[in-house]
C-alpha atoms as a PDB file:
ATOM      1  CA  MET A   1       0.000   0.000   0.000  1.00  0.00           C
ATOM      2  CA  ALA A   2       1.311   3.430  -0.977  1.00  0.00           C
ATOM      3  CA  ASP A   3       0.286   4.998   2.317  1.00  0.00           C
ATOM      4  CA  LYS A   4       2.576   2.722   4.357  1.00  0.00           C
ATOM      5  CA  LYS A   5       5.680   4.390   5.761  1.00  0.00           C
ATOM      6  CA  GLN A   6       8.765   2.808   7.268  1.00  0.00           C
ATOM      7  CA  ILE A   7      10.073   4.008  10.634  1.00  0.00           C
ATOM      8  CA  LYS A   8      13.851   4.395  10.338  1.00  0.00           C
ATOM      9  CA  THR A   9      14.730   7.131  12.840  1.00  0.00           C
ATOM     10  CA  ALA A  10      12.990   7.919  16.133  1.00  0.00           C
ATOM     11  CA  LEU A  11      13.405  11.049  18.225  1.00  0.00           C
ATOM     12  CA  VAL A  12      12.760  10.079  21.849  1.00  0.00           C
ATOM     13  CA  SER A  13      12.558  12.782  24.525  1.00  0.00           C
ATOM     14  CA  VAL A  14      10.420  11.936  27.534  1.00  0.00           C
ATOM     15  CA  PHE A  15       9.949  13.057  31.126  1.00  0.00           C
ATOM     16  CA  HIS A  16       8.445   9.711  32.231  1.00  0.00           C
ATOM     17  CA  LYS A  17      10.689   6.736  31.392  1.00  0.00           C
ATOM     18  CA  ASP A  18       8.431   4.014  32.854  1.00  0.00           C
ATOM     19  CA  GLY A  19       7.042   1.648  30.239  1.00  0.00           C
ATOM     20  CA  LEU A  20       9.453   2.903  27.583  1.00  0.00           C
ATOM     21  CA  ASP A  21      11.912  -0.006  27.705  1.00  0.00           C
ATOM     22  CA  GLU A  22       9.625  -2.541  26.005  1.00  0.00           C
ATOM     23  CA  LEU A  23       8.875  -0.123  23.161  1.00  0.00           C
ATOM     24  CA  LEU A  24      12.565   0.730  22.696  1.00  0.00           C
ATOM     25  CA  LYS A  25      13.451  -2.981  22.651  1.00  0.00           C
ATOM     26  CA  LYS A  26      11.020  -3.656  19.799  1.00  0.00           C
ATOM     27  CA  LEU A  27      12.100  -0.562  17.840  1.00  0.00           C
ATOM     28  CA  ASN A  28      15.749  -1.598  18.210  1.00  0.00           C
ATOM     29  CA  GLU A  29      14.918  -5.110  16.980  1.00  0.00           C
ATOM     30  CA  GLU A  30      13.302  -3.504  13.926  1.00  0.00           C
ATOM     31  CA  GLY A  31      16.518  -1.584  13.177  1.00  0.00           C
ATOM     32  CA  VAL A  32      15.173   1.848  14.125  1.00  0.00           C
ATOM     33  CA  LYS A  33      17.881   4.405  14.990  1.00  0.00           C
ATOM     34  CA  PHE A  34      17.483   6.543  18.114  1.00  0.00           C
ATOM     35  CA  LEU A  35      18.045  10.261  18.536  1.00  0.00           C
ATOM     36  CA  SER A  36      17.615  11.820  21.963  1.00  0.00           C
ATOM     37  CA  THR A  37      18.459  14.412  24.607  1.00  0.00           C
ATOM     38  CA  GLY A  38      19.839  14.433  28.144  1.00  0.00           C
ATOM     39  CA  GLY A  39      18.296  11.979  30.560  1.00  0.00           C
ATOM     40  CA  THR A  40      16.389  10.076  27.888  1.00  0.00           C
ATOM     41  CA  GLN A  41      19.561   9.547  25.869  1.00  0.00           C
ATOM     42  CA  LYS A  42      21.344   8.175  28.959  1.00  0.00           C
ATOM     43  CA  PHE A  43      18.337   5.917  29.660  1.00  0.00           C
ATOM     44  CA  ILE A  44      18.387   4.527  26.091  1.00  0.00           C
ATOM     45  CA  GLU A  45      22.137   3.871  26.317  1.00  0.00           C
ATOM     46  CA  SER A  46      21.718   2.227  29.750  1.00  0.00           C
ATOM     47  CA  LEU A  47      19.527  -0.366  28.006  1.00  0.00           C
ATOM     48  CA  GLY A  48      22.423  -1.130  25.664  1.00  0.00           C
ATOM     49  CA  TYR A  49      21.164   0.673  22.549  1.00  0.00           C
ATOM     50  CA  GLU A  50      23.083   3.167  20.448  1.00  0.00           C
ATOM     51  CA  CYS A  51      21.642   6.668  20.576  1.00  0.00           C
ATOM     52  CA  GLN A  52      22.738   9.791  18.759  1.00  0.00           C
ATOM     53  CA  LYS A  53      22.654  13.030  20.739  1.00  0.00           C
ATOM     54  CA  VAL A  54      20.384  15.764  19.401  1.00  0.00           C
ATOM     55  CA  GLU A  55      23.278  18.152  20.131  1.00  0.00           C
ATOM     56  CA  ASP A  56      25.424  16.249  17.602  1.00  0.00           C
ATOM     57  CA  VAL A  57      22.788  16.888  14.925  1.00  0.00           C
ATOM     58  CA  THR A  58      22.131  20.545  15.805  1.00  0.00           C
ATOM     59  CA  THR A  59      25.728  21.346  16.909  1.00  0.00           C
ATOM     60  CA  TYR A  60      24.156  23.294  19.795  1.00  0.00           C
ATOM     61  CA  PRO A  61      24.228  22.243  23.454  1.00  0.00           C
ATOM     62  CA  SER A  62      21.163  22.309  25.686  1.00  0.00           C
ATOM     63  CA  ILE A  63      21.009  25.973  26.745  1.00  0.00           C
ATOM     64  CA  LEU A  64      19.177  28.353  29.080  1.00  0.00           C
ATOM     65  CA  GLY A  65      18.937  25.823  31.887  1.00  0.00           C
ATOM     66  CA  GLY A  66      17.433  23.205  29.605  1.00  0.00           C
ATOM     67  CA  ARG A  67      14.752  25.522  28.236  1.00  0.00           C
ATOM     68  CA  VAL A  68      16.158  25.115  24.710  1.00  0.00           C
ATOM     69  CA  LYS A  69      17.189  21.600  23.653  1.00  0.00           C
ATOM     70  CA  THR A  70      15.251  20.437  20.595  1.00  0.00           C
ATOM     71  CA  LEU A  71      14.105  23.816  19.229  1.00  0.00           C
ATOM     72  CA  HIS A  72      16.250  23.843  16.086  1.00  0.00           C
ATOM     73  CA  PRO A  73      15.656  23.718  12.293  1.00  0.00           C
ATOM     74  CA  LYS A  74      17.525  20.402  11.975  1.00  0.00           C
ATOM     75  CA  VAL A  75      15.109  18.775  14.413  1.00  0.00           C
ATOM     76  CA  PHE A  76      11.898  20.449  13.268  1.00  0.00           C
ATOM     77  CA  GLY A  77      12.929  20.285   9.610  1.00  0.00           C
ATOM     78  CA  GLY A  78      13.430  16.544  10.058  1.00  0.00           C
ATOM     79  CA  ILE A  79       9.901  16.199  11.405  1.00  0.00           C
ATOM     80  CA  LEU A  80       8.087  18.695   9.172  1.00  0.00           C
ATOM     81  CA  GLY A  81       9.865  17.936   5.883  1.00  0.00           C
ATOM     82  CA  ARG A  82       7.417  16.490   3.351  1.00  0.00           C
ATOM     83  CA  ARG A  83       8.963  13.321   1.936  1.00  0.00           C
ATOM     84  CA  GLU A  84       7.239  13.631  -1.451  1.00  0.00           C
ATOM     85  CA  ASN A  85       7.936  17.353  -1.893  1.00  0.00           C
ATOM     86  CA  ASP A  86      10.967  17.931  -4.136  1.00  0.00           C
ATOM     87  CA  GLY A  87      11.636  21.389  -2.700  1.00  0.00           C
ATOM     88  CA  ASP A  88      11.576  20.050   0.868  1.00  0.00           C
ATOM     89  CA  LYS A  89      13.832  17.128  -0.089  1.00  0.00           C
ATOM     90  CA  GLU A  90      16.345  19.462  -1.747  1.00  0.00           C
ATOM     91  CA  GLN A  91      16.475  21.745   1.286  1.00  0.00           C
ATOM     92  CA  MET A  92      16.799  18.814   3.678  1.00  0.00           C
ATOM     93  CA  ALA A  93      19.789  17.605   1.671  1.00  0.00           C
ATOM     94  CA  GLN A  94      21.241  21.125   1.393  1.00  0.00           C
ATOM     95  CA  TYR A  95      21.092  21.760   5.158  1.00  0.00           C
ATOM     96  CA  GLU A  96      21.864  18.139   6.158  1.00  0.00           C
ATOM     97  CA  ILE A  97      18.529  17.685   7.900  1.00  0.00           C
ATOM     98  CA  PRO A  98      17.864  14.057   8.876  1.00  0.00           C
ATOM     99  CA  GLU A  99      14.429  12.531   8.298  1.00  0.00           C
ATOM    100  CA  ILE A 100      12.699  11.819  11.617  1.00  0.00           C
ATOM    101  CA  ASP A 101       9.887   9.292  11.164  1.00  0.00           C
ATOM    102  CA  LEU A 102       8.782   8.745  14.748  1.00  0.00           C
ATOM    103  CA  VAL A 103       8.571  11.205  17.650  1.00  0.00           C
ATOM    104  CA  ILE A 104       8.089   9.817  21.164  1.00  0.00           C
ATOM    105  CA  VAL A 105       7.632  12.667  23.596  1.00  0.00           C
ATOM    106  CA  ASP A 106       5.699  13.537  26.705  1.00  0.00           C
ATOM    107  CA  LEU A 107       5.140  16.793  28.509  1.00  0.00           C
ATOM    108  CA  TYR A 108       6.433  18.205  31.765  1.00  0.00           C
ATOM    109  CA  PRO A 109       3.935  17.371  34.542  1.00  0.00           C
ATOM    110  CA  PHE A 110       2.328  20.800  34.766  1.00  0.00           C
ATOM    111  CA  GLU A 111      -0.892  19.709  36.513  1.00  0.00           C
ATOM    112  CA  ASP A 112       0.961  17.527  39.043  1.00  0.00           C
ATOM    113  CA  THR A 113       3.293  20.435  39.821  1.00  0.00           C
ATOM    114  CA  VAL A 114       0.355  22.792  40.414  1.00  0.00           C
ATOM    115  CA  ALA A 115      -1.387  20.166  42.584  1.00  0.00           C
ATOM    116  CA  SER A 116       1.757  19.716  44.692  1.00  0.00           C
ATOM    117  CA  GLY A 117       1.558  23.343  45.859  1.00  0.00           C
ATOM    118  CA  ALA A 118       4.821  24.261  44.126  1.00  0.00           C
ATOM    119  CA  SER A 119       5.969  27.863  43.811  1.00  0.00           C
ATOM    120  CA  GLU A 120       4.959  29.997  40.841  1.00  0.00           C
ATOM    121  CA  ALA A 121       8.553  29.864  39.546  1.00  0.00           C
ATOM    122  CA  ASP A 122       8.546  26.048  39.634  1.00  0.00           C
ATOM    123  CA  ILE A 123       5.137  25.900  37.956  1.00  0.00           C
ATOM    124  CA  ILE A 124       6.277  28.194  35.139  1.00  0.00           C
ATOM    125  CA  GLU A 125       9.319  25.965  34.505  1.00  0.00           C
ATOM    126  CA  LYS A 126       6.901  23.073  33.983  1.00  0.00           C
ATOM    127  CA  ILE A 127       5.248  24.842  31.036  1.00  0.00           C
ATOM    128  CA  ASP A 128       6.616  22.659  28.257  1.00  0.00           C
ATOM    129  CA  ILE A 129       7.802  24.408  25.085  1.00  0.00           C
ATOM    130  CA  GLY A 130       9.957  21.924  23.158  1.00  0.00           C
ATOM    131  CA  GLY A 131       7.723  18.947  23.899  1.00  0.00           C
ATOM    132  CA  ILE A 132       4.481  20.616  22.877  1.00  0.00           C
ATOM    133  CA  SER A 133       6.176  21.921  19.714  1.00  0.00           C
ATOM    134  CA  LEU A 134       7.421  18.423  18.834  1.00  0.00           C
ATOM    135  CA  ILE A 135       3.912  17.037  19.379  1.00  0.00           C
ATOM    136  CA  ARG A 136       2.343  19.657  17.120  1.00  0.00           C
ATOM    137  CA  ALA A 137       5.004  19.241  14.412  1.00  0.00           C
ATOM    138  CA  GLY A 138       4.723  15.446  14.384  1.00  0.00           C
ATOM    139  CA  ALA A 139       0.935  15.609  14.308  1.00  0.00           C
ATOM    140  CA  LYS A 140       0.886  18.211  11.532  1.00  0.00           C
ATOM    141  CA  ASN A 141       3.061  15.994   9.337  1.00  0.00           C
ATOM    142  CA  PHE A 142       1.140  12.770  10.059  1.00  0.00           C
ATOM    143  CA  ASN A 143       1.406  12.008   6.352  1.00  0.00           C
ATOM    144  CA  ASP A 144       5.036  11.012   7.018  1.00  0.00           C
ATOM    145  CA  VAL A 145       5.535  10.916  10.799  1.00  0.00           C
ATOM    146  CA  VAL A 146       4.237   8.874  13.743  1.00  0.00           C
ATOM    147  CA  ILE A 147       3.698  10.985  16.882  1.00  0.00           C
ATOM    148  CA  VAL A 148       3.497   9.272  20.281  1.00  0.00           C
ATOM    149  CA  PRO A 149       2.453  12.154  22.582  1.00  0.00           C
ATOM    150  CA  SER A 150       2.316  10.385  25.971  1.00  0.00           C
ATOM    151  CA  LYS A 151       3.039   7.055  27.631  1.00  0.00           C
ATOM    152  CA  ALA A 152      -0.642   6.160  27.140  1.00  0.00           C
ATOM    153  CA  GLU A 153       0.222   5.544  23.457  1.00  0.00           C
ATOM    154  CA  TYR A 154       3.269   3.291  24.027  1.00  0.00           C
ATOM    155  CA  GLY A 155       1.096   0.179  23.979  1.00  0.00           C
ATOM    156  CA  VAL A 156      -0.748   1.328  20.853  1.00  0.00           C
ATOM    157  CA  LEU A 157       2.518   1.667  18.922  1.00  0.00           C
ATOM    158  CA  LEU A 158       3.935  -1.562  20.362  1.00  0.00           C
ATOM    159  CA  ASP A 159       0.847  -3.421  19.172  1.00  0.00           C
ATOM    160  CA  ILE A 160       1.331  -2.044  15.645  1.00  0.00           C
ATOM    161  CA  LEU A 161       5.051  -2.937  15.662  1.00  0.00           C
ATOM    162  CA  ASN A 162       4.284  -6.502  16.794  1.00  0.00           C
ATOM    163  CA  LYS A 163       1.666  -6.951  14.071  1.00  0.00           C
ATOM    164  CA  GLN A 164       3.256  -5.239  11.063  1.00  0.00           C
ATOM    165  CA  GLY A 165       6.857  -4.389  11.890  1.00  0.00           C
ATOM    166  CA  ALA A 166       8.268  -0.862  11.793  1.00  0.00           C
ATOM    167  CA  GLU A 167       5.783   0.549   9.341  1.00  0.00           C
ATOM    168  CA  THR A 168       2.482   2.315   9.748  1.00  0.00           C
ATOM    169  CA  THR A 169      -0.503   3.130   7.581  1.00  0.00           C
ATOM    170  CA  LEU A 170      -1.789   6.637   6.945  1.00  0.00           C
ATOM    171  CA  ALA A 171      -4.922   5.866   9.002  1.00  0.00           C
ATOM    172  CA  GLN A 172      -2.759   4.805  11.955  1.00  0.00           C
ATOM    173  CA  ARG A 173      -0.607   7.924  11.724  1.00  0.00           C
ATOM    174  CA  LYS A 174      -3.711  10.106  11.545  1.00  0.00           C
ATOM    175  CA  ASP A 175      -5.079   8.390  14.654  1.00  0.00           C
ATOM    176  CA  PHE A 176      -1.845   9.179  16.529  1.00  0.00           C
ATOM    177  CA  ALA A 177      -2.115  12.796  15.316  1.00  0.00           C
ATOM    178  CA  ALA A 178      -5.665  13.051  16.670  1.00  0.00           C
ATOM    179  CA  ARG A 179      -4.464  11.710  20.028  1.00  0.00           C
ATOM    180  CA  ALA A 180      -1.588  14.197  19.948  1.00  0.00           C
ATOM    181  CA  PHE A 181      -3.842  17.213  19.464  1.00  0.00           C
ATOM    182  CA  GLY A 182      -6.019  15.859  22.294  1.00  0.00           C
ATOM    183  CA  VAL A 183      -2.954  15.826  24.557  1.00  0.00           C
ATOM    184  CA  SER A 184      -1.843  19.333  23.529  1.00  0.00           C
ATOM    185  CA  SER A 185      -5.373  20.715  23.882  1.00  0.00           C
ATOM    186  CA  HIS A 186      -5.743  19.290  27.403  1.00  0.00           C
ATOM    187  CA  TYR A 187      -2.317  20.612  28.389  1.00  0.00           C
ATOM    188  CA  ASP A 188      -2.916  24.146  27.137  1.00  0.00           C
ATOM    189  CA  THR A 189      -6.342  24.198  28.774  1.00  0.00           C
ATOM    190  CA  ALA A 190      -4.728  23.295  32.121  1.00  0.00           C
ATOM    191  CA  ILE A 191      -2.120  26.053  31.721  1.00  0.00           C
ATOM    192  CA  HIS A 192      -4.783  28.574  30.737  1.00  0.00           C
ATOM    193  CA  GLY A 193      -6.839  27.564  33.774  1.00  0.00           C
ATOM    194  CA  TRP A 194      -3.872  28.212  36.063  1.00  0.00           C
ATOM    195  CA  PHE A 195      -3.243  31.677  34.599  1.00  0.00           C
ATOM    196  CA  VAL A 196      -6.854  32.821  34.912  1.00  0.00           C
ATOM    197  CA  ARG A 197      -7.592  31.223  38.305  1.00  0.00           C
END
């Protein structure tokens, strides 16, 4: 089927690591390459898998106390680049932008932080910027990219991988995109609620 896409490279950047190991094991078995940041990269390597640092792709370190890690054209270009668009393909080659086919990301625990009675400064630091941007980018380009926006979707992807290997149909990618916008909508609603309380 023409709408089937192979997963070759996965960007993994998560706050919650629980439940991730089984998914990573299957992706590794399927020959998927990993790209990651900070703690997630160390976690992936601790499981014995090779993992390229996002900083090696962007040539920028994590800056501003971790506020800016993935926000870079080489990351977002790799997610948003349209695989059948000649202009996009030319620019991706020109700027050495790698294709990213799968994004596994979750968001800082904003609601849990508010519920814990944390200070305003701590709450503001839990307003996710990179993660929510990765979710929106992956969901927008569902034609080419699988977006896993929370650990609730790990099992959904694992089920697909076990049934059909490291490839997905357009309908499956669109379903992940719908879930992703549900996650981002809920998250922004919670943040809005805190600001107007």
